[in-house]
N, C-alpha and C. Protein backbone atom coordinates (compact mmCIF):
# COMPACT_ATOMS: atom_id res chain seq x y z
N TYR A 1 18.87 211.61 78.83
CA TYR A 1 18.49 210.39 79.53
C TYR A 1 17.43 209.66 78.70
N PHE A 2 17.70 208.22 77.98
CA PHE A 2 16.54 207.77 77.37
C PHE A 2 15.77 207.26 78.75
N GLU A 3 14.36 206.89 78.12
CA GLU A 3 14.00 206.29 79.31
C GLU A 3 13.11 205.24 78.39
N PHE A 4 13.17 204.07 78.81
CA PHE A 4 12.91 202.61 78.12
C PHE A 4 11.30 202.95 77.77
N PRO A 5 11.52 202.46 76.51
CA PRO A 5 9.56 202.40 75.87
C PRO A 5 9.14 201.86 77.02
N ARG A 6 7.66 201.94 77.08
CA ARG A 6 6.53 201.05 77.75
C ARG A 6 5.91 200.10 76.52
N SER A 7 5.68 199.33 77.17
CA SER A 7 5.13 197.56 76.06
C SER A 7 4.89 198.28 74.90
N GLU A 8 3.15 199.16 74.99
CA GLU A 8 2.18 199.83 74.11
C GLU A 8 3.47 200.06 73.06
N VAL A 9 4.32 200.80 72.99
CA VAL A 9 5.21 201.42 72.44
C VAL A 9 5.63 200.81 71.48
N ILE A 10 6.64 199.33 72.08
CA ILE A 10 7.63 198.24 71.52
C ILE A 10 6.66 197.64 70.64
N ALA A 11 4.95 197.22 71.23
CA ALA A 11 4.42 196.26 70.44
C ALA A 11 3.90 197.07 69.39
N SER A 12 3.84 198.79 69.39
CA SER A 12 3.17 199.22 67.72
C SER A 12 4.34 199.55 66.93
N SER A 13 5.76 198.92 67.59
CA SER A 13 7.01 199.28 66.60
C SER A 13 6.67 198.18 65.64
N THR A 14 7.89 198.55 64.60
CA THR A 14 7.85 197.12 63.68
C THR A 14 9.48 196.64 63.73
N TYR A 15 9.28 196.15 62.67
CA TYR A 15 10.95 194.86 62.58
C TYR A 15 11.88 196.07 62.51
N ILE A 16 11.97 196.76 61.49
CA ILE A 16 12.85 197.76 61.36
C ILE A 16 13.17 198.62 62.13
N ASP A 17 12.01 199.38 62.64
CA ASP A 17 12.07 199.83 63.83
C ASP A 17 13.17 199.96 64.75
N LEU A 18 13.09 198.74 65.02
CA LEU A 18 13.71 198.10 65.74
C LEU A 18 15.41 197.62 65.44
N ARG A 19 15.33 197.21 64.30
CA ARG A 19 16.72 196.79 63.43
C ARG A 19 17.56 197.95 63.40
N THR A 20 16.86 198.74 63.15
CA THR A 20 17.34 200.51 63.24
C THR A 20 18.42 200.83 64.07
N LEU A 21 18.29 200.06 65.28
CA LEU A 21 18.87 200.41 66.74
C LEU A 21 19.98 199.32 66.75
N GLY A 22 19.99 198.40 65.98
CA GLY A 22 21.24 197.65 66.49
C GLY A 22 20.66 196.21 66.87
N PHE A 23 19.62 195.95 67.34
CA PHE A 23 18.98 194.47 67.48
C PHE A 23 19.12 194.00 66.43
N SER A 24 19.30 192.18 67.11
CA SER A 24 19.73 191.34 66.24
C SER A 24 18.23 190.94 65.51
N GLU A 25 17.92 189.87 64.60
CA GLU A 25 16.61 189.53 64.58
C GLU A 25 15.98 188.79 65.88
N ASN A 26 16.76 188.05 66.34
CA ASN A 26 16.68 187.05 67.62
C ASN A 26 16.18 187.91 68.95
N LYS A 27 16.69 189.15 68.92
CA LYS A 27 16.56 190.12 70.25
C LYS A 27 15.25 190.80 69.99
N ILE A 28 15.21 191.24 68.90
CA ILE A 28 13.67 191.73 68.03
C ILE A 28 12.69 190.86 68.31
N SER A 29 13.27 189.56 68.10
CA SER A 29 11.59 188.57 67.77
C SER A 29 11.34 188.23 69.62
N ALA A 30 12.54 188.56 70.45
CA ALA A 30 12.62 187.98 72.09
C ALA A 30 11.89 189.53 72.61
N ILE A 31 11.88 191.33 72.57
CA ILE A 31 11.34 191.72 72.71
C ILE A 31 10.21 191.96 72.51
N PHE A 32 9.56 191.53 71.12
CA PHE A 32 8.17 191.65 71.04
C PHE A 32 7.29 190.47 71.84
N SER A 33 8.21 189.12 71.66
CA SER A 33 7.55 188.72 72.67
C SER A 33 7.43 188.71 74.46
N ILE A 34 8.23 189.80 74.86
CA ILE A 34 7.99 190.31 76.22
C ILE A 34 7.27 191.60 76.02
N SER A 35 7.19 192.04 75.16
CA SER A 35 6.19 193.18 75.04
C SER A 35 5.09 192.95 74.84
N GLU A 36 4.84 191.71 73.91
CA GLU A 36 3.21 191.02 74.35
C GLU A 36 2.81 190.60 75.19
N LEU A 37 3.63 189.65 76.12
CA LEU A 37 3.10 189.26 77.38
C LEU A 37 2.51 190.55 78.54
N GLU A 38 3.51 191.27 78.56
CA GLU A 38 3.40 193.17 79.10
C GLU A 38 2.22 193.15 79.21
N SER A 39 1.91 193.65 77.83
CA SER A 39 0.56 194.66 77.28
C SER A 39 -0.68 193.70 77.25
N GLN A 40 -0.61 192.14 77.75
CA GLN A 40 -1.40 191.66 78.05
C GLN A 40 -1.79 191.25 79.37
N GLY A 41 -0.48 191.59 80.06
CA GLY A 41 -0.80 191.78 81.88
C GLY A 41 -0.25 190.36 82.19
N LYS A 42 0.23 189.90 81.34
CA LYS A 42 0.80 188.15 81.67
C LYS A 42 1.86 188.19 82.64
N LEU A 43 2.85 188.95 81.79
CA LEU A 43 4.22 189.60 82.42
C LEU A 43 3.84 189.52 84.37
N ASP A 44 2.90 190.43 84.48
CA ASP A 44 3.42 190.65 86.04
C ASP A 44 2.58 189.44 86.70
N ASN A 45 1.63 188.56 86.16
CA ASN A 45 1.49 187.49 86.90
C ASN A 45 2.38 186.27 87.19
N LEU A 46 2.85 186.24 85.67
CA LEU A 46 4.33 185.25 85.54
C LEU A 46 5.22 185.54 86.85
N LEU A 47 5.55 186.38 87.03
CA LEU A 47 6.80 187.07 87.74
C LEU A 47 6.23 186.99 89.35
N ARG A 48 4.38 187.01 89.85
CA ARG A 48 4.40 186.17 90.61
C ARG A 48 4.35 184.96 91.22
N THR A 49 4.79 184.18 90.21
CA THR A 49 4.84 182.59 90.21
C THR A 49 6.00 182.29 91.04
N PRO A 50 6.28 181.19 91.55
CA PRO A 50 7.81 180.09 91.52
C PRO A 50 8.72 180.58 90.56
N ILE A 51 10.13 180.78 91.23
CA ILE A 51 10.90 181.13 90.42
C ILE A 51 11.18 180.03 89.02
N THR A 52 11.15 179.01 89.50
CA THR A 52 11.01 177.56 88.79
C THR A 52 10.30 178.00 87.45
N HIS A 53 8.82 178.42 87.50
CA HIS A 53 8.73 178.77 86.92
C HIS A 53 8.37 179.45 85.74
N ILE A 54 8.49 180.70 86.62
CA ILE A 54 9.22 181.95 85.42
C ILE A 54 10.49 181.19 84.76
N PHE A 55 11.73 180.67 85.23
CA PHE A 55 12.60 180.44 84.00
C PHE A 55 11.84 179.13 83.10
N SER A 56 10.87 178.62 83.63
CA SER A 56 10.46 177.75 82.78
C SER A 56 9.64 178.01 81.53
N GLU A 57 9.39 179.29 81.68
CA GLU A 57 8.29 179.59 80.82
C GLU A 57 8.84 180.89 80.19
N LEU A 58 9.78 181.50 80.85
CA LEU A 58 10.42 183.17 79.89
C LEU A 58 11.40 181.93 78.84
N SER A 59 11.82 181.01 79.27
CA SER A 59 12.94 179.75 78.56
C SER A 59 12.49 179.64 77.48
N LYS A 60 11.27 179.68 77.26
CA LYS A 60 10.43 178.77 76.05
C LYS A 60 10.57 180.38 75.21
N ILE A 61 10.47 181.60 75.10
CA ILE A 61 10.85 182.53 74.43
C ILE A 61 12.61 181.97 73.62
N LYS A 62 12.69 182.42 72.11
CA LYS A 62 13.57 181.86 71.72
C LYS A 62 14.22 183.52 72.22
N GLY A 63 15.65 183.04 72.58
CA GLY A 63 17.02 184.43 72.28
C GLY A 63 16.60 184.46 74.21
N ILE A 64 16.03 184.07 75.02
CA ILE A 64 15.95 184.13 76.19
C ILE A 64 16.49 182.98 76.73
N GLY A 65 17.81 183.49 77.20
CA GLY A 65 18.34 181.91 78.25
C GLY A 65 18.08 182.48 79.77
N ASN A 66 18.56 181.25 80.55
CA ASN A 66 18.57 181.29 82.02
C ASN A 66 19.88 182.90 82.25
N TRP A 67 20.81 183.05 81.56
CA TRP A 67 21.48 184.24 82.03
C TRP A 67 20.54 185.28 82.20
N THR A 68 20.07 185.52 80.84
CA THR A 68 18.85 186.60 80.57
C THR A 68 17.85 186.86 81.65
N ILE A 69 17.32 185.67 81.99
CA ILE A 69 16.28 185.65 83.13
C ILE A 69 16.83 186.19 84.47
N GLN A 70 17.69 185.55 85.44
CA GLN A 70 18.51 185.90 86.08
C GLN A 70 19.40 187.55 86.36
N TYR A 71 19.65 188.34 85.26
CA TYR A 71 20.20 189.09 84.73
C TYR A 71 18.84 189.86 85.33
N ALA A 72 17.81 189.89 84.42
CA ALA A 72 16.56 190.92 84.19
C ALA A 72 15.95 190.85 86.14
N LEU A 73 15.57 189.23 85.92
CA LEU A 73 15.25 189.37 87.58
C LEU A 73 16.13 190.31 89.02
N ILE A 74 17.49 190.17 88.95
CA ILE A 74 18.28 190.58 90.14
C ILE A 74 18.04 192.43 89.65
N ARG A 75 18.37 192.35 88.25
CA ARG A 75 18.58 193.72 88.03
C ARG A 75 17.53 194.90 87.82
N GLY A 76 16.63 193.98 86.80
CA GLY A 76 15.60 194.95 86.82
C GLY A 76 14.41 194.71 87.80
N LEU A 77 14.22 193.57 88.99
CA LEU A 77 13.10 193.31 89.35
C LEU A 77 13.62 193.38 90.60
N GLY A 78 14.93 193.66 91.36
CA GLY A 78 15.27 193.73 92.57
C GLY A 78 15.34 192.10 92.99
N ARG A 79 15.32 191.24 92.63
CA ARG A 79 15.22 189.73 93.48
C ARG A 79 16.69 189.33 93.33
N TYR A 80 17.26 190.16 95.04
CA TYR A 80 18.72 189.58 95.09
C TYR A 80 19.07 188.19 95.50
N ASP A 81 17.79 187.56 95.56
CA ASP A 81 17.98 186.08 95.59
C ASP A 81 18.72 185.11 95.15
N ILE A 82 18.38 185.74 93.27
CA ILE A 82 18.58 184.78 92.69
C ILE A 82 20.45 184.75 92.26
N PRO A 83 20.85 183.58 92.08
CA PRO A 83 22.74 183.99 91.66
C PRO A 83 22.54 184.11 89.95
N LEU A 84 23.80 184.79 89.93
CA LEU A 84 23.80 185.58 88.24
C LEU A 84 25.36 184.36 88.06
N GLN A 85 24.84 183.28 87.19
CA GLN A 85 25.78 182.46 87.09
C GLN A 85 26.05 182.46 85.45
N ASN A 86 27.14 181.99 85.75
CA ASN A 86 28.36 182.08 84.21
C ASN A 86 28.28 183.09 83.44
N ASP A 87 28.83 184.25 84.71
CA ASP A 87 28.77 185.44 83.96
C ASP A 87 30.16 186.14 83.91
N LYS A 88 30.35 186.13 82.58
CA LYS A 88 32.07 186.45 82.64
C LYS A 88 32.79 187.81 83.17
N ALA A 89 31.92 188.63 83.46
CA ALA A 89 32.27 189.76 84.31
C ALA A 89 32.34 189.65 85.40
N LEU A 90 30.91 188.73 86.14
CA LEU A 90 31.48 188.80 87.72
C LEU A 90 32.56 187.52 87.45
N GLN A 91 32.74 186.86 87.04
CA GLN A 91 34.16 185.70 86.92
C GLN A 91 35.76 186.59 86.94
N ARG A 92 35.77 187.69 86.34
CA ARG A 92 36.63 188.64 85.92
C ARG A 92 36.83 189.32 87.29
N GLY A 93 35.64 189.80 87.92
CA GLY A 93 36.06 190.33 89.07
C GLY A 93 35.73 189.82 90.16
N MET A 94 36.12 188.29 90.78
CA MET A 94 36.46 187.32 91.50
C MET A 94 37.56 187.37 91.30
N ASP A 95 38.22 187.00 89.96
CA ASP A 95 39.33 186.83 89.96
C ASP A 95 40.58 188.01 90.44
N SER A 96 40.14 189.06 89.57
CA SER A 96 40.36 190.75 90.12
C SER A 96 40.96 190.89 91.70
N LEU A 97 39.73 190.68 92.41
CA LEU A 97 39.70 191.13 93.84
C LEU A 97 40.47 189.93 94.89
N PHE A 98 40.34 188.76 94.03
CA PHE A 98 40.78 187.65 95.10
C PHE A 98 41.80 186.66 94.71
N GLY A 99 42.13 186.86 93.08
CA GLY A 99 43.53 186.80 92.82
C GLY A 99 42.89 185.58 91.44
N GLU A 100 43.45 185.22 90.67
CA GLU A 100 43.31 184.37 89.62
C GLU A 100 43.52 183.06 90.28
N LYS A 101 43.92 182.44 91.03
CA LYS A 101 44.03 181.23 91.50
C LYS A 101 43.27 181.07 92.55
N TYR A 102 42.69 181.95 92.67
CA TYR A 102 41.71 181.51 94.84
C TYR A 102 40.81 180.64 93.98
N PHE A 103 39.94 180.94 93.10
CA PHE A 103 39.00 180.09 93.14
C PHE A 103 39.34 179.08 91.56
N THR A 104 39.25 177.70 92.01
CA THR A 104 40.05 176.51 91.09
C THR A 104 38.61 176.38 90.01
N SER A 105 37.55 176.51 90.21
CA SER A 105 36.31 175.84 89.38
C SER A 105 35.27 176.96 89.54
N GLN A 106 34.05 176.57 88.74
CA GLN A 106 32.94 177.67 88.51
C GLN A 106 31.80 176.97 89.83
N GLU A 107 32.41 175.80 90.44
CA GLU A 107 31.76 175.51 91.61
C GLU A 107 32.55 176.19 92.79
N ASP A 108 33.55 176.32 92.83
CA ASP A 108 33.79 177.25 93.96
C ASP A 108 33.56 178.59 94.20
N ARG A 109 33.15 179.06 92.66
CA ARG A 109 32.88 180.67 92.56
C ARG A 109 31.31 180.19 93.06
N SER A 110 30.14 179.45 92.75
CA SER A 110 29.16 179.24 93.39
C SER A 110 29.30 179.43 95.08
N SER A 111 29.58 178.12 95.21
CA SER A 111 30.05 177.88 97.14
C SER A 111 30.22 179.29 97.20
N PHE A 112 31.38 180.26 97.29
CA PHE A 112 31.67 181.38 97.71
C PHE A 112 30.49 182.05 97.92
N LEU A 113 29.77 182.52 96.73
CA LEU A 113 28.36 183.58 96.61
C LEU A 113 27.48 182.91 97.40
N GLU A 114 27.13 181.60 97.66
CA GLU A 114 26.09 181.15 98.25
C GLU A 114 26.42 181.83 99.61
N GLN A 115 26.94 181.82 100.35
CA GLN A 115 27.03 182.90 101.44
C GLN A 115 26.00 183.68 101.80
N TYR A 116 26.23 184.50 100.40
CA TYR A 116 24.87 185.39 101.03
C TYR A 116 23.87 185.40 101.05
N ASN A 117 23.31 184.11 100.69
CA ASN A 117 21.73 184.00 100.63
C ASN A 117 21.32 184.66 99.73
N MET A 118 20.20 185.54 100.63
CA MET A 118 19.00 185.82 100.13
C MET A 118 19.71 187.07 99.41
N TYR A 119 21.16 187.54 99.60
CA TYR A 119 21.88 188.79 98.62
C TYR A 119 22.43 187.93 97.85
N ILE A 120 22.72 187.22 97.38
CA ILE A 120 23.54 186.22 96.28
C ILE A 120 23.50 187.12 95.07
N GLY A 121 22.34 187.68 94.47
CA GLY A 121 22.32 188.72 92.93
C GLY A 121 23.19 189.49 93.49
N TYR A 122 22.71 190.40 94.73
CA TYR A 122 23.46 191.74 94.74
C TYR A 122 24.94 191.66 95.34
N ALA A 123 25.62 190.66 95.59
CA ALA A 123 26.77 190.03 95.72
C ALA A 123 27.53 190.34 94.43
N SER A 124 26.96 189.44 93.77
CA SER A 124 27.11 189.31 92.36
C SER A 124 27.54 190.56 91.35
N PHE A 125 26.50 191.66 91.83
CA PHE A 125 27.05 193.04 90.89
C PHE A 125 27.65 194.09 91.66
N TYR A 126 28.03 193.68 93.30
CA TYR A 126 28.76 194.20 93.87
C TYR A 126 30.54 194.06 93.62
N LEU A 127 30.21 192.61 93.09
CA LEU A 127 31.90 192.03 92.69
C LEU A 127 31.87 192.74 90.95
N ILE A 128 30.87 192.66 90.44
CA ILE A 128 31.11 193.30 89.12
C ILE A 128 31.70 194.71 88.98
N TYR A 129 30.73 195.61 89.75
CA TYR A 129 31.29 197.10 89.83
C TYR A 129 32.30 197.27 90.69
N ALA A 130 32.61 196.63 91.73
CA ALA A 130 33.92 196.77 92.55
C ALA A 130 35.05 196.80 91.48
N ASN A 131 35.17 195.55 90.48
CA ASN A 131 35.93 195.61 89.52
C ASN A 131 36.13 196.25 88.49
N VAL A 132 35.16 197.26 88.35
CA VAL A 132 35.17 197.98 87.22
C VAL A 132 35.65 199.19 87.77
N ILE A 133 34.92 199.77 88.98
CA ILE A 133 35.91 200.65 89.34
C ILE A 133 36.77 201.04 89.95
N SER A 134 37.72 199.61 90.35
CA SER A 134 39.27 199.41 90.61
C SER A 134 39.53 199.70 89.03
N ARG A 135 39.76 199.34 88.29
CA ARG A 135 40.07 199.46 87.27
C ARG A 135 40.09 200.35 86.41
N ASN A 136 38.79 201.16 86.79
CA ASN A 136 38.74 202.77 86.19
C ASN A 136 39.56 203.62 86.94
N GLN A 137 40.02 202.94 88.16
CA GLN A 137 40.73 204.07 89.20
C GLN A 137 42.36 203.72 88.90
N ASP A 138 42.64 202.16 88.51
CA ASP A 138 44.14 202.17 88.33
C ASP A 138 44.11 202.99 86.72
N SER A 139 43.20 203.24 85.80
CA SER A 139 43.97 203.89 84.72
C SER A 139 43.79 205.35 84.76
N SER A 140 43.15 205.78 85.77
CA SER A 140 43.48 207.39 85.77
C SER A 140 44.73 207.32 86.51
């Protein structure tokens, strides 16, 4: 098993260390920026602020966009009230489970997911994983 490195370890790494892992220049820059926030204790404080402020601050970091923030909040921090928007795996999962013609637009998908209220992110991941499991069972 691989342990996710502590922010101090990342902060003491070099560009070359991370490049050998296959990360792009933008990803390395974003990793260093987040690591710096974490090692200074600023990330924990930021994560206690309203969601709109979290998005506003983290999206200032080059290489971090809305999808990355949504994914990290849902998957990493258990903020299941956050919708995972414009995710291709979610779209494939919904199409696979409900049929490709069931949803005619991204707005239809979003409206469907809104019924899960504070568990909208959890529902998104369920749909993604249900599709993956279904595909794996079909291929065996």
